[in-house]
């Protein structure tokens, strides 16, 4: 069974693992790829965001403040959403490995 991973899924399954991060949520009615539900997370060493686009696109960005390097910067089209598990797992591993 393939679970749709939207912002509510993030709130239930990922946010509880991010105790060292400040997490905030934003919503924009109109964007380049439809409406945008955005999750931002900021910690001492890393920060980034996940963009859940209304037209089915998924964006993940993660920045390392210590080494000043981009760790993840991916935009998955609706046809590539089968790769979302891999990228979300990479994100969680990077955030909880600090």
PDB file of N, CA and C in Angstrom:
ATOM      1  N   UNK A   1       0.839  -1.189   0.000  1.00  0.00           N
ATOM      2  CA  UNK A   1       0.000   0.000   0.000  1.00  0.00           C
ATOM      3  C   UNK A   1       0.880   1.248   0.000  1.00  0.00           C
ATOM      4  N   UNK A   2       0.656   2.135  -0.949  1.00  0.00           N
ATOM      5  CA  UNK A   2       1.433   3.348  -1.078  1.00  0.00           C
ATOM      6  C   UNK A   2       0.691   4.491  -0.389  1.00  0.00           C
ATOM      7  N   UNK A   3       1.231   4.994   0.701  1.00  0.00           N
ATOM      8  CA  UNK A   3       0.614   6.053   1.477  1.00  0.00           C
ATOM      9  C   UNK A   3       0.982   7.399   0.871  1.00  0.00           C
ATOM     10  N   UNK A   4      -0.022   8.260   0.691  1.00  0.00           N
ATOM     11  CA  UNK A   4       0.234   9.614   0.192  1.00  0.00           C
ATOM     12  C   UNK A   4       0.899  10.415   1.305  1.00  0.00           C
ATOM     13  N   UNK A   5       2.078  10.895   1.045  1.00  0.00           N
ATOM     14  CA  UNK A   5       2.850  11.609   2.060  1.00  0.00           C
ATOM     15  C   UNK A   5       2.701  13.112   1.858  1.00  0.00           C
ATOM     16  N   UNK A   6       1.751  13.669   2.582  1.00  0.00           N
ATOM     17  CA  UNK A   6       1.496  15.097   2.497  1.00  0.00           C
ATOM     18  C   UNK A   6       1.924  15.767   3.797  1.00  0.00           C
ATOM     19  N   UNK A   7       1.537  16.996   3.971  1.00  0.00           N
ATOM     20  CA  UNK A   7       1.949  17.758   5.153  1.00  0.00           C
ATOM     21  C   UNK A   7       1.390  17.137   6.438  1.00  0.00           C
ATOM     22  N   UNK A   8       0.207  16.553   6.381  1.00  0.00           N
ATOM     23  CA  UNK A   8      -0.353  15.894   7.570  1.00  0.00           C
ATOM     24  C   UNK A   8       0.459  14.652   7.943  1.00  0.00           C
ATOM     25  N   UNK A   9       0.913  13.917   6.940  1.00  0.00           N
ATOM     26  CA  UNK A   9       1.787  12.771   7.177  1.00  0.00           C
ATOM     27  C   UNK A   9       3.077  13.233   7.852  1.00  0.00           C
ATOM     28  N   UNK A  10       3.633  14.340   7.390  1.00  0.00           N
ATOM     29  CA  UNK A  10       4.846  14.887   7.990  1.00  0.00           C
ATOM     30  C   UNK A  10       4.619  15.214   9.465  1.00  0.00           C
ATOM     31  N   UNK A  11       3.503  15.874   9.760  1.00  0.00           N
ATOM     32  CA  UNK A  11       3.195  16.255  11.145  1.00  0.00           C
ATOM     33  C   UNK A  11       3.117  15.027  12.058  1.00  0.00           C
ATOM     34  N   UNK A  12       2.559  13.947  11.558  1.00  0.00           N
ATOM     35  CA  UNK A  12       2.367  12.746  12.378  1.00  0.00           C
ATOM     36  C   UNK A  12       3.624  11.886  12.488  1.00  0.00           C
ATOM     37  N   UNK A  13       4.391  11.762  11.408  1.00  0.00           N
ATOM     38  CA  UNK A  13       5.464  10.773  11.365  1.00  0.00           C
ATOM     39  C   UNK A  13       6.879  11.340  11.451  1.00  0.00           C
ATOM     40  N   UNK A  14       7.086  12.559  10.995  1.00  0.00           N
ATOM     41  CA  UNK A  14       8.436  13.110  10.964  1.00  0.00           C
ATOM     42  C   UNK A  14       8.658  14.149  12.060  1.00  0.00           C
ATOM     43  N   UNK A  15       7.742  15.073  12.221  1.00  0.00           N
ATOM     44  CA  UNK A  15       7.930  16.141  13.206  1.00  0.00           C
ATOM     45  C   UNK A  15       8.263  15.618  14.608  1.00  0.00           C
ATOM     46  N   UNK A  16       7.637  14.532  15.084  1.00  0.00           N
ATOM     47  CA  UNK A  16       7.995  14.044  16.430  1.00  0.00           C
ATOM     48  C   UNK A  16       9.471  13.634  16.560  1.00  0.00           C
ATOM     49  N   UNK A  17      10.124  13.322  15.456  1.00  0.00           N
ATOM     50  CA  UNK A  17      11.537  12.937  15.485  1.00  0.00           C
ATOM     51  C   UNK A  17      12.471  14.147  15.481  1.00  0.00           C
ATOM     52  N   UNK A  18      11.926  15.340  15.321  1.00  0.00           N
ATOM     53  CA  UNK A  18      12.735  16.545  15.158  1.00  0.00           C
ATOM     54  C   UNK A  18      12.718  17.429  16.402  1.00  0.00           C
ATOM     55  N   UNK A  19      12.993  16.843  17.540  1.00  0.00           N
ATOM     56  CA  UNK A  19      12.930  17.596  18.798  1.00  0.00           C
ATOM     57  C   UNK A  19      13.965  18.724  18.867  1.00  0.00           C
ATOM     58  N   UNK A  20      15.052  18.623  18.121  1.00  0.00           N
ATOM     59  CA  UNK A  20      16.096  19.649  18.148  1.00  0.00           C
ATOM     60  C   UNK A  20      15.851  20.752  17.116  1.00  0.00           C
ATOM     61  N   UNK A  21      14.683  20.743  16.485  1.00  0.00           N
ATOM     62  CA  UNK A  21      14.389  21.691  15.417  1.00  0.00           C
ATOM     63  C   UNK A  21      13.136  22.492  15.703  1.00  0.00           C
ATOM     64  N   UNK A  22      13.151  23.739  15.256  1.00  0.00           N
ATOM     65  CA  UNK A  22      11.938  24.541  15.252  1.00  0.00           C
ATOM     66  C   UNK A  22      11.253  24.271  13.917  1.00  0.00           C
ATOM     67  N   UNK A  23      10.007  23.852  13.964  1.00  0.00           N
ATOM     68  CA  UNK A  23       9.272  23.496  12.755  1.00  0.00           C
ATOM     69  C   UNK A  23       8.129  24.498  12.572  1.00  0.00           C
ATOM     70  N   UNK A  24       7.978  24.995  11.338  1.00  0.00           N
ATOM     71  CA  UNK A  24       6.870  25.902  11.059  1.00  0.00           C
ATOM     72  C   UNK A  24       6.204  25.512   9.745  1.00  0.00           C
ATOM     73  N   UNK A  25       4.953  25.877   9.641  1.00  0.00           N
ATOM     74  CA  UNK A  25       4.138  25.514   8.488  1.00  0.00           C
ATOM     75  C   UNK A  25       3.582  26.775   7.838  1.00  0.00           C
ATOM     76  N   UNK A  26       3.606  26.767   6.509  1.00  0.00           N
ATOM     77  CA  UNK A  26       3.053  27.890   5.755  1.00  0.00           C
ATOM     78  C   UNK A  26       2.234  27.345   4.591  1.00  0.00           C
ATOM     79  N   UNK A  27       1.260  28.139   4.172  1.00  0.00           N
ATOM     80  CA  UNK A  27       0.438  27.755   3.029  1.00  0.00           C
ATOM     81  C   UNK A  27       0.299  28.953   2.104  1.00  0.00           C
ATOM     82  N   UNK A  28       0.473  28.694   0.821  1.00  0.00           N
ATOM     83  CA  UNK A  28       0.311  29.723  -0.191  1.00  0.00           C
ATOM     84  C   UNK A  28      -0.735  29.232  -1.191  1.00  0.00           C
ATOM     85  N   UNK A  29      -1.740  30.044  -1.411  1.00  0.00           N
ATOM     86  CA  UNK A  29      -2.862  29.664  -2.270  1.00  0.00           C
ATOM     87  C   UNK A  29      -2.438  29.420  -3.714  1.00  0.00           C
ATOM     88  N   UNK A  30      -1.572  30.274  -4.238  1.00  0.00           N
ATOM     89  CA  UNK A  30      -1.166  30.166  -5.639  1.00  0.00           C
ATOM     90  C   UNK A  30       0.350  30.189  -5.755  1.00  0.00           C
ATOM     91  N   UNK A  31       0.873  29.261  -6.525  1.00  0.00           N
ATOM     92  CA  UNK A  31       2.301  29.216  -6.796  1.00  0.00           C
ATOM     93  C   UNK A  31       2.533  28.694  -8.197  1.00  0.00           C
ATOM     94  N   UNK A  32       3.783  28.507  -8.546  1.00  0.00           N
ATOM     95  CA  UNK A  32       4.127  28.039  -9.887  1.00  0.00           C
ATOM     96  C   UNK A  32       3.538  26.669 -10.201  1.00  0.00           C
ATOM     97  N   UNK A  33       3.411  25.829  -9.177  1.00  0.00           N
ATOM     98  CA  UNK A  33       2.949  24.458  -9.376  1.00  0.00           C
ATOM     99  C   UNK A  33       1.667  24.183  -8.594  1.00  0.00           C
ATOM    100  N   UNK A  34       0.804  25.194  -8.529  1.00  0.00           N
ATOM    101  CA  UNK A  34      -0.439  25.074  -7.783  1.00  0.00           C
ATOM    102  C   UNK A  34      -0.275  25.632  -6.378  1.00  0.00           C
ATOM    103  N   UNK A  35      -1.184  25.274  -5.496  1.00  0.00           N
ATOM    104  CA  UNK A  35      -1.069  25.718  -4.103  1.00  0.00           C
ATOM    105  C   UNK A  35       0.179  25.084  -3.485  1.00  0.00           C
ATOM    106  N   UNK A  36       0.688  25.711  -2.431  1.00  0.00           N
ATOM    107  CA  UNK A  36       1.913  25.228  -1.800  1.00  0.00           C
ATOM    108  C   UNK A  36       1.724  25.110  -0.298  1.00  0.00           C
ATOM    109  N   UNK A  37       1.916  23.898   0.225  1.00  0.00           N
ATOM    110  CA  UNK A  37       1.996  23.672   1.670  1.00  0.00           C
ATOM    111  C   UNK A  37       3.468  23.435   1.961  1.00  0.00           C
ATOM    112  N   UNK A  38       4.020  24.255   2.835  1.00  0.00           N
ATOM    113  CA  UNK A  38       5.462  24.231   3.072  1.00  0.00           C
ATOM    114  C   UNK A  38       5.764  23.970   4.543  1.00  0.00           C
ATOM    115  N   UNK A  39       6.739  23.090   4.762  1.00  0.00           N
ATOM    116  CA  UNK A  39       7.234  22.810   6.098  1.00  0.00           C
ATOM    117  C   UNK A  39       8.664  23.329   6.161  1.00  0.00           C
ATOM    118  N   UNK A  40       8.936  24.195   7.120  1.00  0.00           N
ATOM    119  CA  UNK A  40      10.293  24.678   7.341  1.00  0.00           C
ATOM    120  C   UNK A  40      10.805  24.130   8.654  1.00  0.00           C
ATOM    121  N   UNK A  41      12.105  23.817   8.711  1.00  0.00           N
ATOM    122  CA  UNK A  41      12.702  23.315   9.947  1.00  0.00           C
ATOM    123  C   UNK A  41      14.078  23.928  10.103  1.00  0.00           C
ATOM    124  N   UNK A  42      14.349  24.416  11.319  1.00  0.00           N
ATOM    125  CA  UNK A  42      15.613  25.090  11.618  1.00  0.00           C
ATOM    126  C   UNK A  42      16.205  24.514  12.888  1.00  0.00           C
ATOM    127  N   UNK A  43      17.458  24.099  12.811  1.00  0.00           N
ATOM    128  CA  UNK A  43      18.200  23.630  13.966  1.00  0.00           C
ATOM    129  C   UNK A  43      19.506  24.398  14.065  1.00  0.00           C
ATOM    130  N   UNK A  44      20.343  24.033  15.017  1.00  0.00           N
ATOM    131  CA  UNK A  44      21.628  24.708  15.180  1.00  0.00           C
ATOM    132  C   UNK A  44      22.577  24.417  14.034  1.00  0.00           C
ATOM    133  N   UNK A  45      22.519  23.192  13.505  1.00  0.00           N
ATOM    134  CA  UNK A  45      23.474  22.781  12.476  1.00  0.00           C
ATOM    135  C   UNK A  45      22.886  22.674  11.081  1.00  0.00           C
ATOM    136  N   UNK A  46      21.573  22.419  10.985  1.00  0.00           N
ATOM    137  CA  UNK A  46      20.950  22.205   9.682  1.00  0.00           C
ATOM    138  C   UNK A  46      19.570  22.841   9.636  1.00  0.00           C
ATOM    139  N   UNK A  47      19.148  23.149   8.431  1.00  0.00           N
ATOM    140  CA  UNK A  47      17.813  23.688   8.235  1.00  0.00           C
ATOM    141  C   UNK A  47      17.382  23.484   6.795  1.00  0.00           C
ATOM    142  N   UNK A  48      16.096  23.592   6.580  1.00  0.00           N
ATOM    143  CA  UNK A  48      15.594  23.420   5.221  1.00  0.00           C
ATOM    144  C   UNK A  48      14.094  23.464   5.167  1.00  0.00           C
ATOM    145  N   UNK A  49      13.565  22.883   4.093  1.00  0.00           N
ATOM    146  CA  UNK A  49      12.121  22.885   3.923  1.00  0.00           C
ATOM    147  C   UNK A  49      11.683  21.770   2.987  1.00  0.00           C
ATOM    148  N   UNK A  50      10.409  21.455   3.108  1.00  0.00           N
ATOM    149  CA  UNK A  50       9.744  20.538   2.185  1.00  0.00           C
ATOM    150  C   UNK A  50       8.582  21.306   1.576  1.00  0.00           C
ATOM    151  N   UNK A  51       8.472  21.235   0.260  1.00  0.00           N
ATOM    152  CA  UNK A  51       7.380  21.878  -0.462  1.00  0.00           C
ATOM    153  C   UNK A  51       6.454  20.811  -1.025  1.00  0.00           C
ATOM    154  N   UNK A  52       5.216  20.840  -0.573  1.00  0.00           N
ATOM    155  CA  UNK A  52       4.176  19.956  -1.101  1.00  0.00           C
ATOM    156  C   UNK A  52       3.304  20.795  -2.031  1.00  0.00           C
ATOM    157  N   UNK A  53       3.484  20.605  -3.332  1.00  0.00           N
ATOM    158  CA  UNK A  53       2.778  21.399  -4.332  1.00  0.00           C
ATOM    159  C   UNK A  53       1.432  20.775  -4.680  1.00  0.00           C
ATOM    160  N   UNK A  54       0.443  21.608  -4.913  1.00  0.00           N
ATOM    161  CA  UNK A  54      -0.905  21.165  -5.238  1.00  0.00           C
ATOM    162  C   UNK A  54      -1.007  20.328  -6.504  1.00  0.00           C
ATOM    163  N   UNK A  55      -0.090  20.520  -7.450  1.00  0.00           N
ATOM    164  CA  UNK A  55      -0.110  19.740  -8.691  1.00  0.00           C
ATOM    165  C   UNK A  55       0.689  18.445  -8.583  1.00  0.00           C
ATOM    166  N   UNK A  56       1.079  18.072  -7.345  1.00  0.00           N
ATOM    167  CA  UNK A  56       1.728  16.777  -7.122  1.00  0.00           C
ATOM    168  C   UNK A  56       3.244  16.789  -7.073  1.00  0.00           C
ATOM    169  N   UNK A  57       3.866  17.940  -7.216  1.00  0.00           N
ATOM    170  CA  UNK A  57       5.323  18.035  -7.141  1.00  0.00           C
ATOM    171  C   UNK A  57       5.757  18.032  -5.677  1.00  0.00           C
ATOM    172  N   UNK A  58       6.963  17.530  -5.415  1.00  0.00           N
ATOM    173  CA  UNK A  58       7.526  17.499  -4.063  1.00  0.00           C
ATOM    174  C   UNK A  58       8.937  18.063  -4.114  1.00  0.00           C
ATOM    175  N   UNK A  59       9.202  19.074  -3.315  1.00  0.00           N
ATOM    176  CA  UNK A  59      10.536  19.667  -3.231  1.00  0.00           C
ATOM    177  C   UNK A  59      11.107  19.459  -1.846  1.00  0.00           C
ATOM    178  N   UNK A  60      12.396  19.084  -1.797  1.00  0.00           N
ATOM    179  CA  UNK A  60      13.082  18.899  -0.511  1.00  0.00           C
ATOM    180  C   UNK A  60      14.404  19.637  -0.576  1.00  0.00           C
ATOM    181  N   UNK A  61      14.662  20.477   0.424  1.00  0.00           N
ATOM    182  CA  UNK A  61      15.901  21.234   0.494  1.00  0.00           C
ATOM    183  C   UNK A  61      16.460  21.132   1.906  1.00  0.00           C
ATOM    184  N   UNK A  62      17.763  20.871   2.005  1.00  0.00           N
ATOM    185  CA  UNK A  62      18.424  20.797   3.310  1.00  0.00           C
ATOM    186  C   UNK A  62      19.793  21.452   3.205  1.00  0.00           C
ATOM    187  N   UNK A  63      20.099  22.342   4.158  1.00  0.00           N
ATOM    188  CA  UNK A  63      21.350  23.091   4.186  1.00  0.00           C
ATOM    189  C   UNK A  63      22.103  22.786   5.482  1.00  0.00           C
ATOM    190  N   UNK A  64      23.394  22.593   5.372  1.00  0.00           N
ATOM    191  CA  UNK A  64      24.279  22.381   6.518  1.00  0.00           C
ATOM    192  C   UNK A  64      24.914  23.728   6.857  1.00  0.00           C
ATOM    193  N   UNK A  65      24.534  24.313   8.008  1.00  0.00           N
ATOM    194  CA  UNK A  65      25.032  25.616   8.408  1.00  0.00           C
ATOM    195  C   UNK A  65      26.510  25.566   8.806  1.00  0.00           C
ATOM    196  N   UNK A  66      26.936  24.471   9.390  1.00  0.00           N
ATOM    197  CA  UNK A  66      28.308  24.334   9.882  1.00  0.00           C
ATOM    198  C   UNK A  66      29.302  24.314   8.724  1.00  0.00           C
ATOM    199  N   UNK A  67      29.056  23.465   7.751  1.00  0.00           N
ATOM    200  CA  UNK A  67      29.966  23.315   6.621  1.00  0.00           C
ATOM    201  C   UNK A  67      29.581  24.177   5.421  1.00  0.00           C
ATOM    202  N   UNK A  68      28.483  24.907   5.557  1.00  0.00           N
ATOM    203  CA  UNK A  68      27.979  25.779   4.500  1.00  0.00           C
ATOM    204  C   UNK A  68      27.878  25.046   3.168  1.00  0.00           C
ATOM    205  N   UNK A  69      27.131  23.947   3.197  1.00  0.00           N
ATOM    206  CA  UNK A  69      26.972  23.122   2.008  1.00  0.00           C
ATOM    207  C   UNK A  69      25.525  22.648   1.887  1.00  0.00           C
ATOM    208  N   UNK A  70      25.076  22.547   0.654  1.00  0.00           N
ATOM    209  CA  UNK A  70      23.753  22.024   0.352  1.00  0.00           C
ATOM    210  C   UNK A  70      23.804  20.501   0.448  1.00  0.00           C
ATOM    211  N   UNK A  71      22.935  19.922   1.264  1.00  0.00           N
ATOM    212  CA  UNK A  71      22.913  18.473   1.437  1.00  0.00           C
ATOM    213  C   UNK A  71      21.879  17.802   0.538  1.00  0.00           C
ATOM    214  N   UNK A  72      20.734  18.434   0.389  1.00  0.00           N
ATOM    215  CA  UNK A  72      19.674  17.909  -0.473  1.00  0.00           C
ATOM    216  C   UNK A  72      19.007  19.091  -1.174  1.00  0.00           C
ATOM    217  N   UNK A  73      18.801  18.936  -2.455  1.00  0.00           N
ATOM    218  CA  UNK A  73      18.032  19.915  -3.225  1.00  0.00           C
ATOM    219  C   UNK A  73      17.404  19.164  -4.392  1.00  0.00           C
ATOM    220  N   UNK A  74      16.174  18.706  -4.187  1.00  0.00           N
ATOM    221  CA  UNK A  74      15.522  17.846  -5.172  1.00  0.00           C
ATOM    222  C   UNK A  74      14.088  18.315  -5.389  1.00  0.00           C
ATOM    223  N   UNK A  75      13.657  18.267  -6.627  1.00  0.00           N
ATOM    224  CA  UNK A  75      12.271  18.551  -6.971  1.00  0.00           C
ATOM    225  C   UNK A  75      11.764  17.366  -7.777  1.00  0.00           C
ATOM    226  N   UNK A  76      10.807  16.646  -7.211  1.00  0.00           N
ATOM    227  CA  UNK A  76      10.257  15.451  -7.856  1.00  0.00           C
ATOM    228  C   UNK A  76       8.944  15.784  -8.535  1.00  0.00           C
ATOM    229  N   UNK A  77       8.835  15.419  -9.805  1.00  0.00           N
ATOM    230  CA  UNK A  77       7.588  15.620 -10.541  1.00  0.00           C
ATOM    231  C   UNK A  77       6.571  14.573 -10.078  1.00  0.00           C
ATOM    232  N   UNK A  78       5.306  14.749 -10.422  1.00  0.00           N
ATOM    233  CA  UNK A  78       4.313  13.735 -10.042  1.00  0.00           C
ATOM    234  C   UNK A  78       4.678  12.337 -10.548  1.00  0.00           C
ATOM    235  N   UNK A  79       5.336  12.247 -11.692  1.00  0.00           N
ATOM    236  CA  UNK A  79       5.747  10.950 -12.241  1.00  0.00           C
ATOM    237  C   UNK A  79       6.906  10.324 -11.465  1.00  0.00           C
ATOM    238  N   UNK A  80       7.641  11.118 -10.708  1.00  0.00           N
ATOM    239  CA  UNK A  80       8.794  10.637  -9.949  1.00  0.00           C
ATOM    240  C   UNK A  80       8.488  10.430  -8.470  1.00  0.00           C
ATOM    241  N   UNK A  81       7.255  10.584  -8.087  1.00  0.00           N
ATOM    242  CA  UNK A  81       6.900  10.537  -6.672  1.00  0.00           C
ATOM    243  C   UNK A  81       7.171   9.172  -6.038  1.00  0.00           C
ATOM    244  N   UNK A  82       7.433   8.136  -6.851  1.00  0.00           N
ATOM    245  CA  UNK A  82       7.795   6.838  -6.279  1.00  0.00           C
ATOM    246  C   UNK A  82       9.151   6.924  -5.579  1.00  0.00           C
ATOM    247  N   UNK A  83       9.941   7.951  -5.887  1.00  0.00           N
ATOM    248  CA  UNK A  83      11.243   8.144  -5.249  1.00  0.00           C
ATOM    249  C   UNK A  83      11.134   8.954  -3.950  1.00  0.00           C
ATOM    250  N   UNK A  84       9.925   9.398  -3.608  1.00  0.00           N
ATOM    251  CA  UNK A  84       9.788  10.248  -2.420  1.00  0.00           C
ATOM    252  C   UNK A  84      10.226   9.548  -1.144  1.00  0.00           C
ATOM    253  N   UNK A  85       9.977   8.241  -1.021  1.00  0.00           N
ATOM    254  CA  UNK A  85      10.393   7.521   0.188  1.00  0.00           C
ATOM    255  C   UNK A  85      11.898   7.582   0.378  1.00  0.00           C
ATOM    256  N   UNK A  86      12.637   7.400  -0.699  1.00  0.00           N
ATOM    257  CA  UNK A  86      14.101   7.437  -0.635  1.00  0.00           C
ATOM    258  C   UNK A  86      14.572   8.805  -0.157  1.00  0.00           C
ATOM    259  N   UNK A  87      14.033   9.866  -0.744  1.00  0.00           N
ATOM    260  CA  UNK A  87      14.472  11.215  -0.392  1.00  0.00           C
ATOM    261  C   UNK A  87      14.012  11.639   0.997  1.00  0.00           C
ATOM    262  N   UNK A  88      12.799  11.267   1.382  1.00  0.00           N
ATOM    263  CA  UNK A  88      12.343  11.593   2.737  1.00  0.00           C
ATOM    264  C   UNK A  88      13.150  10.824   3.782  1.00  0.00           C
ATOM    265  N   UNK A  89      13.511   9.583   3.493  1.00  0.00           N
ATOM    266  CA  UNK A  89      14.372   8.817   4.399  1.00  0.00           C
ATOM    267  C   UNK A  89      15.754   9.463   4.533  1.00  0.00           C
ATOM    268  N   UNK A  90      16.305   9.939   3.408  1.00  0.00           N
ATOM    269  CA  UNK A  90      17.606  10.629   3.436  1.00  0.00           C
ATOM    270  C   UNK A  90      17.513  11.894   4.282  1.00  0.00           C
ATOM    271  N   UNK A  91      16.416  12.616   4.133  1.00  0.00           N
ATOM    272  CA  UNK A  91      16.223  13.832   4.902  1.00  0.00           C
ATOM    273  C   UNK A  91      16.177  13.541   6.394  1.00  0.00           C
ATOM    274  N   UNK A  92      15.350  12.581   6.786  1.00  0.00           N
ATOM    275  CA  UNK A  92      15.209  12.240   8.201  1.00  0.00           C
ATOM    276  C   UNK A  92      16.551  11.761   8.768  1.00  0.00           C
ATOM    277  N   UNK A  93      17.271  10.952   8.013  1.00  0.00           N
ATOM    278  CA  UNK A  93      18.570  10.461   8.463  1.00  0.00           C
ATOM    279  C   UNK A  93      19.543  11.632   8.685  1.00  0.00           C
ATOM    280  N   UNK A  94      19.556  12.593   7.782  1.00  0.00           N
ATOM    281  CA  UNK A  94      20.425  13.756   7.928  1.00  0.00           C
ATOM    282  C   UNK A  94      20.032  14.607   9.150  1.00  0.00           C
ATOM    283  N   UNK A  95      18.729  14.763   9.372  1.00  0.00           N
ATOM    284  CA  UNK A  95      18.268  15.601  10.473  1.00  0.00           C
ATOM    285  C   UNK A  95      18.440  14.948  11.838  1.00  0.00           C
ATOM    286  N   UNK A  96      18.306  13.656  11.897  1.00  0.00           N
ATOM    287  CA  UNK A  96      18.395  12.977  13.198  1.00  0.00           C
ATOM    288  C   UNK A  96      19.794  12.449  13.485  1.00  0.00           C
ATOM    289  N   UNK A  97      20.709  12.583  12.535  1.00  0.00           N
ATOM    290  CA  UNK A  97      22.083  12.117  12.687  1.00  0.00           C
ATOM    291  C   UNK A  97      22.975  13.151  13.357  1.00  0.00           C
ATOM    292  N   UNK A  98      22.459  14.337  13.588  1.00  0.00           N
ATOM    293  CA  UNK A  98      23.271  15.437  14.141  1.00  0.00           C
ATOM    294  C   UNK A  98      23.627  15.204  15.583  1.00  0.00           C
TER     295      UNK A  98
END
